[in-house]
């Protein structure tokens, strides 16, 4: 889906939006119990879009109680698969019907170019819900092999109350990666969006009830991590936390689980993804375009961003020039302008963090080849130029730590063996790619890379049918695909002894 409107029309529509700004608990919009709110600031120009309910422990308790009550009632958890399927398909249809509004909210709230929100985020979101809806009545339980006088059944049951804590870079898409399989299995959910980007989650909750999802099944509690997030992590009646975000916060949720009820914790915690380009790369132009897109798409605020470009030294100079040329076409612009390919950094704090890493890269000996500065300062928004560093060693800070911004580190290696060693020399293991025309080398590299996602002669390939998740400190469990359903269910073994006929 692309947005046919021009900049002036989109700006007018954005100004006319009816923005939901209250928590959504038990099927209704409500103020935070404390009455507190926080400013929802658009990174486009630094303006306040609205004041959003600031949820805390009492609000989380209300949301969990609502979710538990409807789960025990069985109106969703025990609904026939065909009924859940029909309602979720209707939910997907309504998301598609409201796609233009959702894309505007996403663009305003976190600075994403409207073209990307309209073309990628929103369609992928309603298609995700539709895909899991279609899967509901196609998943079968099992019967074990047994003696003639017994039957062993292996069945899956909904887990219960799920807390989904999602990030600000793809607010709706990351939410539905949790909502789709969790709802399909019959669970109740409390969704906590990032405080930087709560608006689509609040709107979608209303759409879910309109679609027929029972009140209380989907609750949304906007707020801050140390308060609302911690309350969910520590709650004794939450059965599972599913989280996408930083490793630092992911580790906190593991601690909260151990300090409370040992709830299940599923984590996707980002990476420092290597993009390996070998001397026998089949298409240098394609590799350069993919390298630029892999780090500058969505302002580099992508957990799978190809932030380490690992290149055989014989082709490094040629490839860097091509990457710089490709990146020059992706300069920051107004997120509401359909021509914009790179928007605003999500907030001032994140922008300063990115600029700080750029300063550190230069201080540690990196060679700044392009970019490196704040852009569009006259707008009051938070923009950073696409930035490329050469001469980076794998032990430098900008090669080790996740920046979450449009900053590319180019690392030169002698050969394939050193490329793989360098790629794996990281505490992360979410994504990686290799560019080679040698099919044997491609397969060997894919096997040796310690990453949950490996792409050959492309970047960011795959679909909803493929699991998404990482090795090492990139997290636990997998989003997407049928495998995600197992995160949100209990597996029960029932053994039935048969008497004589």
Foldseek 3Di string as FASTA:
>chain_A
DFDPDFLVVLVVVLVVDPFQAAWAAQHDGDAAPVNDWDFQAFLLFRDTPDTHHAHFLVVLVRLLVLQQVVLVVCPQQVDDLLVLLQLLLLLLVVLVVCQLVLLSLLCRLFWAASRCSSPPQSVQLSVLSNVLSVCLVVDDWDWDDDDPQKTKTKDWGFQEEEEEEEESLRFRNSVSLQVRLNSSRRYAYEYEYELSRCGSVSVSSNSSVVSPDGGSRYIYRYHHCVGSVLSQLQDQSHQEYEYEEALVVLVVSCVSLVVHVVHHYWYQHADLAAEEEEPQFPDLLQSLLQLLCLCPASQNQDSNRNQEYEYAPVCVVVSVVSNVVNLVCQFEDRSSGNSHRGTFGSDPVLLVLLLVVLVQCVVVPWAKPDWSDFPPVVSNRHGGRQTETEPDDCPRPSNADRSSGNYHYYHYDNHDVVSLVSRQPYQWAFEYEYGHPDPVSRVVSVVSRQHPYYYYSHPPDDGLQGWGFTPGSSTDFTGGHPRNSVVRIDIDMDMGGHDDD
